[in-house]
Amino acid sequence: MAAERVIVSGVVRNGVVVPEGEAKLPEGVHVEILMPVIPPELQAEFDAWEAANDEDFAAFEAMLKEEEKQDA
């Protein structure tokens, strides 16, 4: 008989998985971590967004507004 599985989402901080929300894991519990495979071109896009600053976001929003005006 297969063991029941509970899915707990989390984020890695300083190399440690930290459960999100109110999830609490009992001490000593064994976990299995499944990580998605991210294609290099998508990872590069994520990295670019992570490196963006307020000016970059303002420029992006201005570009979107300009496109909306042109489409109207």
Protein backbone atom coordinates (compact mmCIF):
# COMPACT_ATOMS: atom_id res chain seq x y z
CA MET A 1 0.00 0.00 0.00
CA ALA A 2 1.42 3.39 -1.04
CA ALA A 3 1.85 6.07 1.60
CA GLU A 4 -0.42 9.11 1.41
CA ARG A 5 1.32 12.23 0.10
CA VAL A 6 0.81 15.80 1.22
CA ILE A 7 2.08 18.62 -0.98
CA VAL A 8 3.71 21.52 0.85
CA SER A 9 5.05 24.41 -1.22
CA GLY A 10 8.13 26.28 -0.12
CA VAL A 11 11.02 28.45 -1.18
CA VAL A 12 14.77 28.01 -0.81
CA ARG A 13 16.46 30.60 1.43
CA ASN A 14 20.17 30.32 2.10
CA GLY A 15 20.14 26.76 0.79
CA VAL A 16 17.31 25.63 3.10
CA VAL A 17 13.75 24.83 2.01
CA VAL A 18 11.33 26.99 3.98
CA PRO A 19 7.65 25.97 3.81
CA GLU A 20 5.29 28.76 2.75
CA GLY A 21 2.19 29.81 4.63
CA GLU A 22 1.14 28.04 7.79
CA ALA A 23 2.68 24.69 6.84
CA LYS A 24 4.67 23.13 9.64
CA LEU A 25 6.71 20.01 9.12
CA PRO A 26 7.32 17.65 12.02
CA GLU A 27 10.95 17.19 13.09
CA GLY A 28 12.59 14.19 11.48
CA VAL A 29 10.08 13.82 8.67
CA HIS A 30 11.60 12.62 5.41
CA VAL A 31 10.76 14.76 2.39
CA GLU A 32 11.15 14.46 -1.35
CA ILE A 33 11.89 17.63 -3.28
CA LEU A 34 10.84 17.80 -6.92
CA MET A 35 12.37 20.65 -8.89
CA PRO A 36 11.20 21.67 -12.36
CA VAL A 37 13.71 21.63 -15.20
CA ILE A 38 13.90 25.18 -16.53
CA PRO A 39 15.20 25.64 -20.08
CA PRO A 40 18.26 27.95 -20.22
CA GLU A 41 16.47 30.61 -22.31
CA LEU A 42 13.63 30.82 -19.76
CA GLN A 43 16.13 30.95 -16.88
CA ALA A 44 17.88 33.84 -18.65
CA GLU A 45 14.56 35.70 -18.79
CA PHE A 46 13.94 35.03 -15.08
CA ASP A 47 17.44 36.30 -14.30
CA ALA A 48 16.83 39.47 -16.32
CA TRP A 49 13.59 40.19 -14.44
CA GLU A 50 15.36 39.55 -11.12
CA ALA A 51 18.08 42.06 -12.07
CA ALA A 52 15.58 44.73 -13.19
CA ASN A 53 15.27 47.92 -11.16
CA ASP A 54 12.48 50.48 -10.70
CA GLU A 55 13.57 52.41 -13.80
CA ASP A 56 13.40 49.24 -15.90
CA PHE A 57 9.87 48.49 -14.66
CA ALA A 58 8.76 52.10 -15.29
CA ALA A 59 10.11 51.92 -18.85
CA PHE A 60 8.34 48.61 -19.40
CA GLU A 61 5.03 50.00 -18.11
CA ALA A 62 5.41 53.08 -20.33
CA MET A 63 6.01 50.81 -23.33
CA LEU A 64 2.85 48.82 -22.53
CA LYS A 65 0.78 52.02 -22.22
CA GLU A 66 2.12 53.24 -25.56
CA GLU A 67 1.19 49.93 -27.20
CA GLU A 68 -2.31 50.17 -25.71
CA LYS A 69 -2.72 53.68 -27.21
CA GLN A 70 -1.61 52.42 -30.64
CA ASP A 71 -4.04 49.47 -30.48
CA ALA A 72 -6.99 51.75 -29.59
